[in-house]
Amino acid sequence: MKLVPLGDRVVLKQLEAEEKTKSGIILTSQAQEKPQEAEVIAVGPGTEEVKMEVKNGDKVIYSKYAGTEVKLDGEEYIVVKQSDILAIVE
């Protein structure tokens, strides 16, 4: 199955949470903060008012409480509006 976003929506796959702090302390899964960095999996066509500025494969930072979580074929995705994407990581 494949997710095809509509309008100005973008499908993201969240990057893995850090398992260690910079000082080397190993975090339990409950203590790990969900990263707000993700990879763009699919991009909608946009609308007359919104030109799509991200493309498949981009790494992005998105708003903390943005989007809808979707589970498909055992994988978890987040569907967000392009306006919820704050930056592209280069």
N, C-alpha and C. Protein backbone atom coordinates (compact mmCIF):
# COMPACT_ATOMS: atom_id res chain seq x y z
N MET A 1 0.84 -1.18 0.00
CA MET A 1 0.00 0.00 0.00
C MET A 1 0.88 1.25 0.00
N LYS A 2 0.35 2.34 -0.51
CA LYS A 2 1.13 3.56 -0.65
C LYS A 2 0.28 4.75 -0.20
N LEU A 3 0.89 5.68 0.54
CA LEU A 3 0.19 6.89 0.95
C LEU A 3 0.42 7.98 -0.09
N VAL A 4 -0.65 8.57 -0.58
CA VAL A 4 -0.57 9.67 -1.54
C VAL A 4 -1.26 10.87 -0.91
N PRO A 5 -0.50 11.87 -0.45
CA PRO A 5 -1.11 13.02 0.21
C PRO A 5 -1.87 13.91 -0.77
N LEU A 6 -2.89 14.56 -0.27
CA LEU A 6 -3.71 15.46 -1.08
C LEU A 6 -3.37 16.90 -0.74
N GLY A 7 -3.62 17.80 -1.68
CA GLY A 7 -3.44 19.23 -1.43
C GLY A 7 -2.04 19.58 -0.98
N ASP A 8 -1.98 20.34 0.13
CA ASP A 8 -0.67 20.80 0.64
C ASP A 8 -0.17 19.93 1.78
N ARG A 9 -0.53 18.64 1.75
CA ARG A 9 -0.10 17.71 2.79
C ARG A 9 1.21 17.03 2.40
N VAL A 10 1.97 16.60 3.43
CA VAL A 10 3.26 15.93 3.25
C VAL A 10 3.31 14.72 4.18
N VAL A 11 3.78 13.58 3.67
CA VAL A 11 3.95 12.38 4.50
C VAL A 11 5.40 12.33 4.96
N LEU A 12 5.59 12.20 6.28
CA LEU A 12 6.91 12.18 6.89
C LEU A 12 7.16 10.85 7.59
N LYS A 13 8.41 10.41 7.62
CA LYS A 13 8.82 9.26 8.43
C LYS A 13 9.78 9.80 9.46
N GLN A 14 9.38 9.69 10.71
CA GLN A 14 10.17 10.24 11.80
C GLN A 14 11.51 9.53 11.93
N LEU A 15 12.56 10.30 12.17
CA LEU A 15 13.89 9.72 12.38
C LEU A 15 13.96 9.11 13.77
N GLU A 16 14.86 8.17 13.97
CA GLU A 16 14.99 7.47 15.24
C GLU A 16 15.42 8.40 16.37
N ALA A 17 14.91 8.13 17.57
CA ALA A 17 15.26 8.91 18.76
C ALA A 17 16.68 8.56 19.20
N GLU A 18 17.35 9.53 19.76
CA GLU A 18 18.70 9.31 20.28
C GLU A 18 18.64 8.37 21.48
N GLU A 19 19.54 7.40 21.52
CA GLU A 19 19.57 6.45 22.63
C GLU A 19 20.59 6.84 23.68
N LYS A 20 21.47 7.79 23.35
CA LYS A 20 22.49 8.24 24.29
C LYS A 20 22.52 9.76 24.31
N THR A 21 22.86 10.31 25.46
CA THR A 21 23.08 11.75 25.54
C THR A 21 24.48 12.05 25.02
N LYS A 22 24.79 13.31 24.82
CA LYS A 22 26.13 13.68 24.35
C LYS A 22 27.21 13.26 25.32
N SER A 23 26.86 13.19 26.62
CA SER A 23 27.84 12.79 27.62
C SER A 23 27.95 11.27 27.77
N GLY A 24 27.15 10.50 26.98
CA GLY A 24 27.28 9.04 26.97
C GLY A 24 26.28 8.31 27.84
N ILE A 25 25.34 9.00 28.46
CA ILE A 25 24.33 8.34 29.29
C ILE A 25 23.31 7.67 28.38
N ILE A 26 23.03 6.39 28.63
CA ILE A 26 22.06 5.66 27.82
C ILE A 26 20.66 5.93 28.37
N LEU A 27 19.75 6.31 27.46
CA LEU A 27 18.38 6.64 27.84
C LEU A 27 17.46 5.44 27.66
N THR A 28 16.50 5.27 28.57
CA THR A 28 15.48 4.24 28.39
C THR A 28 14.51 4.75 27.33
N SER A 29 13.70 3.86 26.77
CA SER A 29 12.77 4.27 25.71
C SER A 29 11.76 5.31 26.22
N GLN A 30 11.42 5.26 27.50
CA GLN A 30 10.47 6.24 28.06
C GLN A 30 11.10 7.61 28.22
N ALA A 31 12.40 7.67 28.43
CA ALA A 31 13.08 8.94 28.64
C ALA A 31 13.49 9.61 27.34
N GLN A 32 13.42 8.86 26.25
CA GLN A 32 13.83 9.42 24.96
C GLN A 32 12.77 10.39 24.46
N GLU A 33 13.23 11.57 24.08
CA GLU A 33 12.32 12.56 23.53
C GLU A 33 12.11 12.26 22.06
N LYS A 34 10.86 12.34 21.61
CA LYS A 34 10.57 12.11 20.21
C LYS A 34 11.23 13.21 19.38
N PRO A 35 12.01 12.84 18.39
CA PRO A 35 12.65 13.88 17.58
C PRO A 35 11.62 14.59 16.71
N GLN A 36 11.91 15.82 16.38
CA GLN A 36 11.04 16.58 15.50
C GLN A 36 11.66 16.66 14.11
N GLU A 37 12.57 15.74 13.84
CA GLU A 37 13.23 15.67 12.55
C GLU A 37 12.70 14.45 11.82
N ALA A 38 12.41 14.62 10.53
CA ALA A 38 11.83 13.52 9.75
C ALA A 38 12.30 13.60 8.31
N GLU A 39 12.06 12.49 7.59
CA GLU A 39 12.36 12.45 6.16
C GLU A 39 11.05 12.53 5.39
N VAL A 40 11.03 13.31 4.33
CA VAL A 40 9.84 13.44 3.48
C VAL A 40 9.72 12.19 2.63
N ILE A 41 8.56 11.52 2.73
CA ILE A 41 8.30 10.29 1.99
C ILE A 41 7.45 10.58 0.74
N ALA A 42 6.46 11.48 0.87
CA ALA A 42 5.59 11.82 -0.25
C ALA A 42 5.09 13.25 -0.09
N VAL A 43 4.87 13.92 -1.21
CA VAL A 43 4.44 15.32 -1.21
C VAL A 43 3.19 15.44 -2.07
N GLY A 44 2.19 16.15 -1.55
CA GLY A 44 0.97 16.40 -2.31
C GLY A 44 1.23 17.37 -3.45
N PRO A 45 0.23 17.56 -4.32
CA PRO A 45 0.41 18.43 -5.49
C PRO A 45 0.39 19.93 -5.17
N GLY A 46 0.00 20.28 -3.96
CA GLY A 46 -0.13 21.70 -3.61
C GLY A 46 -1.51 22.21 -3.98
N THR A 47 -1.72 23.49 -3.79
CA THR A 47 -2.99 24.12 -4.16
C THR A 47 -2.67 25.39 -4.94
N GLU A 48 -3.71 26.08 -5.37
CA GLU A 48 -3.49 27.33 -6.10
C GLU A 48 -2.79 28.35 -5.22
N GLU A 49 -3.07 28.31 -3.91
CA GLU A 49 -2.48 29.27 -2.97
C GLU A 49 -1.13 28.81 -2.41
N VAL A 50 -0.89 27.49 -2.40
CA VAL A 50 0.31 26.95 -1.75
C VAL A 50 1.16 26.20 -2.76
N LYS A 51 2.38 26.70 -2.99
CA LYS A 51 3.37 26.02 -3.84
C LYS A 51 4.18 25.10 -2.93
N MET A 52 4.35 23.87 -3.32
CA MET A 52 5.09 22.93 -2.49
C MET A 52 6.59 23.22 -2.57
N GLU A 53 7.22 23.37 -1.40
CA GLU A 53 8.63 23.73 -1.32
C GLU A 53 9.52 22.58 -0.88
N VAL A 54 8.93 21.46 -0.48
CA VAL A 54 9.72 20.29 -0.08
C VAL A 54 9.57 19.21 -1.14
N LYS A 55 10.52 18.27 -1.15
CA LYS A 55 10.45 17.17 -2.11
C LYS A 55 10.81 15.86 -1.40
N ASN A 56 10.52 14.75 -2.04
CA ASN A 56 10.83 13.44 -1.47
C ASN A 56 12.32 13.36 -1.13
N GLY A 57 12.61 12.79 0.04
CA GLY A 57 13.99 12.62 0.46
C GLY A 57 14.54 13.75 1.31
N ASP A 58 13.87 14.92 1.33
CA ASP A 58 14.33 16.03 2.17
C ASP A 58 14.25 15.65 3.64
N LYS A 59 15.21 16.12 4.43
CA LYS A 59 15.13 15.98 5.89
C LYS A 59 14.61 17.32 6.40
N VAL A 60 13.58 17.25 7.24
CA VAL A 60 12.92 18.48 7.70
C VAL A 60 12.72 18.47 9.20
N ILE A 61 12.47 19.65 9.74
CA ILE A 61 12.09 19.81 11.14
C ILE A 61 10.64 20.31 11.12
N TYR A 62 9.79 19.68 11.93
CA TYR A 62 8.37 20.04 11.92
C TYR A 62 7.91 20.42 13.32
N SER A 63 6.76 21.09 13.40
CA SER A 63 6.20 21.52 14.68
C SER A 63 5.94 20.32 15.59
N LYS A 64 6.13 20.54 16.88
CA LYS A 64 6.07 19.46 17.87
C LYS A 64 4.75 18.69 17.88
N TYR A 65 3.63 19.39 17.83
CA TYR A 65 2.32 18.72 17.93
C TYR A 65 1.59 18.68 16.60
N ALA A 66 2.32 18.75 15.51
CA ALA A 66 1.72 18.81 14.18
C ALA A 66 1.34 17.43 13.67
N GLY A 67 0.36 17.41 12.79
CA GLY A 67 0.06 16.24 12.00
C GLY A 67 -0.75 15.14 12.64
N THR A 68 -0.96 14.12 11.84
CA THR A 68 -1.71 12.94 12.23
C THR A 68 -0.83 11.73 12.04
N GLU A 69 -0.70 10.92 13.09
CA GLU A 69 0.12 9.71 13.00
C GLU A 69 -0.69 8.61 12.33
N VAL A 70 -0.05 7.91 11.40
CA VAL A 70 -0.70 6.84 10.63
C VAL A 70 0.21 5.63 10.64
N LYS A 71 -0.36 4.44 10.85
CA LYS A 71 0.42 3.20 10.78
C LYS A 71 -0.05 2.43 9.56
N LEU A 72 0.91 2.08 8.68
CA LEU A 72 0.58 1.41 7.44
C LEU A 72 1.64 0.37 7.15
N ASP A 73 1.24 -0.87 6.96
CA ASP A 73 2.17 -1.98 6.68
C ASP A 73 3.28 -2.07 7.73
N GLY A 74 2.94 -1.84 9.01
CA GLY A 74 3.90 -1.97 10.09
C GLY A 74 4.82 -0.77 10.25
N GLU A 75 4.69 0.23 9.41
CA GLU A 75 5.52 1.45 9.49
C GLU A 75 4.66 2.60 10.00
N GLU A 76 5.30 3.50 10.76
CA GLU A 76 4.59 4.67 11.26
C GLU A 76 4.97 5.90 10.46
N TYR A 77 3.96 6.68 10.08
CA TYR A 77 4.15 7.90 9.32
C TYR A 77 3.40 9.04 10.00
N ILE A 78 3.75 10.26 9.62
CA ILE A 78 3.05 11.44 10.10
C ILE A 78 2.63 12.23 8.88
N VAL A 79 1.36 12.59 8.80
CA VAL A 79 0.86 13.40 7.69
C VAL A 79 0.66 14.82 8.24
N VAL A 80 1.38 15.78 7.65
CA VAL A 80 1.33 17.17 8.11
C VAL A 80 1.02 18.10 6.94
N LYS A 81 0.56 19.30 7.26
CA LYS A 81 0.44 20.35 6.25
C LYS A 81 1.83 20.92 6.04
N GLN A 82 2.10 21.40 4.84
CA GLN A 82 3.41 21.97 4.57
C GLN A 82 3.71 23.12 5.53
N SER A 83 2.71 23.86 5.96
CA SER A 83 2.93 24.99 6.87
C SER A 83 3.41 24.54 8.25
N ASP A 84 3.27 23.25 8.59
CA ASP A 84 3.77 22.72 9.86
C ASP A 84 5.26 22.37 9.79
N ILE A 85 5.82 22.40 8.58
CA ILE A 85 7.25 22.14 8.41
C ILE A 85 8.00 23.46 8.62
N LEU A 86 8.92 23.45 9.56
CA LEU A 86 9.61 24.68 9.94
C LEU A 86 10.87 24.93 9.13
N ALA A 87 11.60 23.87 8.75
CA ALA A 87 12.87 24.05 8.06
C ALA A 87 13.28 22.78 7.34
N ILE A 88 14.10 22.95 6.31
CA ILE A 88 14.73 21.83 5.63
C ILE A 88 16.16 21.74 6.16
N VAL A 89 16.59 20.55 6.56
CA VAL A 89 17.94 20.35 7.10
C VAL A 89 18.86 19.99 5.93
N GLU A 90 19.91 20.78 5.73
CA GLU A 90 20.85 20.52 4.63
C GLU A 90 22.17 20.00 5.16
